[in-house]
Protein backbone atom coordinates (compact mmCIF):
# COMPACT_ATOMS: atom_id res chain seq x y z
CA MET A 1 58.32 2.11 -47.57
CA SER A 2 58.96 5.38 -49.12
CA ASP A 3 59.41 8.58 -47.51
CA VAL A 4 56.36 10.14 -48.80
CA VAL A 5 54.22 7.00 -47.58
CA ARG A 6 55.96 7.39 -44.27
CA VAL A 7 55.16 11.10 -43.96
CA ALA A 8 51.60 10.50 -45.04
CA LEU A 9 51.37 7.81 -42.41
CA ILE A 10 52.87 9.86 -39.54
CA SER A 11 50.63 12.71 -40.58
CA GLY A 12 47.56 10.69 -40.39
CA VAL A 13 48.73 9.19 -37.12
CA PHE A 14 48.87 12.72 -35.88
CA SER A 15 45.76 13.78 -37.11
CA LEU A 16 44.16 10.88 -35.57
CA LEU A 17 45.84 11.42 -32.26
CA GLY A 18 44.67 15.06 -32.49
CA ILE A 19 41.18 14.13 -33.08
CA VAL A 20 41.27 11.44 -30.23
CA VAL A 21 42.95 14.18 -27.87
CA THR A 22 40.03 16.66 -28.53
CA VAL A 23 37.00 14.29 -28.62
CA ILE A 24 37.95 12.26 -25.35
CA PRO A 25 37.69 15.19 -23.11
CA THR A 26 34.44 15.99 -24.62
CA ILE A 27 33.16 12.44 -24.14
CA ILE A 28 34.36 12.58 -20.59
CA ALA A 29 32.63 15.76 -20.05
CA ASN A 30 29.34 14.45 -21.61
CA ARG A 31 29.61 11.39 -19.42
CA LYS A 32 29.80 13.60 -16.27
CA LYS A 33 27.00 15.60 -17.31
CA THR A 34 24.92 12.39 -17.91
CA GLN A 35 25.71 10.89 -14.72
CA GLU A 36 24.80 14.13 -12.85
CA SER A 37 21.45 14.43 -14.94
CA ILE A 38 20.72 10.70 -14.04
CA LYS A 39 21.59 11.34 -10.38
CA GLN A 40 19.27 14.52 -10.08
CA THR A 41 16.66 12.54 -11.87
CA THR A 42 16.82 9.83 -9.38
CA GLU A 43 16.81 12.10 -6.54
CA ALA A 44 13.64 13.81 -7.89
CA MET A 45 11.99 10.48 -8.53
CA GLU A 46 12.90 9.34 -5.12
CA LYS A 47 11.33 12.38 -3.45
CA ARG A 48 8.10 11.92 -5.62
CA ILE A 49 7.93 8.27 -4.62
CA ASP A 50 8.42 9.21 -0.76
CA LYS A 51 5.57 11.80 -1.24
CA LEU A 52 3.24 9.14 -2.97
CA GLN A 53 4.06 6.75 -0.31
CA THR A 54 3.08 9.02 2.39
CA SER A 55 0.06 9.95 0.74
CA TYR A 56 -0.76 6.31 0.14
CA ASP A 57 -0.21 5.35 3.65
CA ALA A 58 -2.78 8.10 4.83
CA HIS A 59 -5.11 6.88 2.48
CA VAL A 60 -4.92 3.37 3.60
CA LYS A 61 -5.03 4.58 7.43
CA ASP A 62 -8.35 6.35 6.55
CA TYR A 63 -9.77 3.54 4.55
CA GLU A 64 -9.03 1.10 7.36
CA ALA A 65 -10.62 3.38 10.16
CA ALA A 66 -13.79 3.81 7.89
CA LYS A 67 -13.88 0.26 7.41
CA ALA A 68 -13.75 -0.41 11.07
CA SER A 69 -16.38 2.13 11.78
CA SER A 70 -18.65 0.56 9.20
CA GLN A 71 -18.12 -2.82 10.75
CA ARG A 72 -19.20 -1.38 14.17
CA TYR A 73 -21.99 0.10 12.70
CA ARG A 74 -23.06 -3.21 11.24
CA ILE A 75 -22.56 -5.01 14.74
CA LEU A 76 -24.51 -2.24 16.37
CA ARG A 77 -27.47 -2.30 13.91
CA PHE A 78 -27.41 -6.45 14.14
CA TYR A 79 -27.29 -5.99 17.88
CA ASP A 80 -30.49 -3.56 17.64
CA GLU A 81 -32.28 -6.17 15.54
CA VAL A 82 -31.61 -9.12 18.04
CA CYS A 83 -32.70 -6.82 20.85
CA GLU A 84 -35.92 -6.25 18.98
CA GLY A 85 -36.51 -9.84 18.65
CA ARG A 86 -35.79 -10.34 15.04
CA LYS A 87 -34.55 -13.74 13.85
CA HIS A 88 -31.37 -13.92 11.77
CA SER A 89 -29.98 -16.77 9.65
CA GLU A 90 -26.80 -18.62 10.89
CA SER A 91 -24.97 -17.06 8.03
CA HIS A 92 -25.68 -13.56 8.81
CA PHE A 93 -24.70 -14.26 12.57
CA GLU A 94 -21.56 -15.73 11.12
CA ASP A 95 -20.75 -12.70 8.98
CA ILE A 96 -21.30 -10.22 11.96
CA LEU A 97 -19.08 -12.58 14.03
CA ASP A 98 -16.45 -11.98 11.39
CA ASP A 99 -17.05 -8.45 11.61
CA ILE A 100 -16.67 -8.51 15.39
CA ASP A 101 -13.42 -10.41 15.01
CA SER A 102 -11.83 -8.00 12.42
CA TYR A 103 -13.12 -5.00 14.29
CA GLU A 104 -11.48 -6.09 17.46
CA ARG A 105 -8.13 -6.94 15.64
CA TYR A 106 -8.35 -3.54 14.19
CA CYS A 107 -8.75 -1.92 17.55
CA ASP A 108 -6.03 -3.94 19.13
CA GLN A 109 -3.66 -2.80 16.50
CA HIS A 110 -4.73 0.83 16.55
CA LYS A 111 -5.01 1.99 19.90
CA GLU A 112 -5.29 5.44 18.89
CA TYR A 113 -8.76 4.45 17.18
CA LYS A 114 -11.70 5.54 19.22
CA ASN A 115 -13.19 2.46 20.54
CA ASN A 116 -15.65 3.01 23.37
CA ARG A 117 -18.77 1.70 21.74
CA GLY A 118 -19.93 -1.87 20.90
CA HIS A 119 -18.32 -4.06 23.73
CA VAL A 120 -21.74 -5.12 25.23
CA ALA A 121 -23.27 -5.47 21.73
CA MET A 122 -20.46 -7.61 20.66
CA GLN A 123 -20.49 -9.92 23.76
CA TYR A 124 -24.23 -10.27 23.58
CA THR A 125 -24.10 -11.00 19.74
CA ARG A 126 -21.57 -13.93 20.81
CA ASP A 127 -23.75 -15.21 23.46
CA THR A 128 -26.92 -15.08 21.51
CA TYR A 129 -25.33 -16.96 18.52
CA ALA A 130 -24.44 -19.72 21.04
CA ARG A 131 -27.74 -19.75 22.46
CA VAL A 132 -29.65 -19.90 19.11
CA LYS A 133 -27.01 -22.40 17.77
CA ALA A 134 -27.68 -24.74 20.58
CA SER A 135 -31.58 -24.53 20.33
CA GLY A 136 -31.43 -24.42 16.40
CA GLY A 137 -33.50 -21.10 16.45
CA PHE A 138 -31.93 -19.39 13.44
CA LEU A 139 -34.01 -17.93 10.53
CA THR A 140 -34.66 -20.45 7.76
CA HIS A 141 -36.52 -20.21 4.52
CA GLU A 142 -38.97 -22.80 5.72
């Protein structure tokens, strides 16, 4: 190999090393900036998710309480109708009994829920269902 080729080759290697030496720190710095940016974005997203979760939990709690109140209203309304002597179908009784079961489960699981109404109505409805079922006195289309 001639001296000119060797000098050119060595010169090219040094040029390449110079480029690598200047480019690598830039790549490393950019990588650190990217990692920091990803970390900040992730932390911000986690805070937003936590805030959304808190809001969602509050909405679910409100919805469940409203649902329980609605069930109690249906139970009490049904009880009033039974006390007035109105007949009901077996299916309607069963729906109300499902409401009673669901309402009582909710009350058992949510001690903070104000539950001082409906106990008499619920027991009377159960007793009336058993009595009407035994006598076959449900409202029918006949």
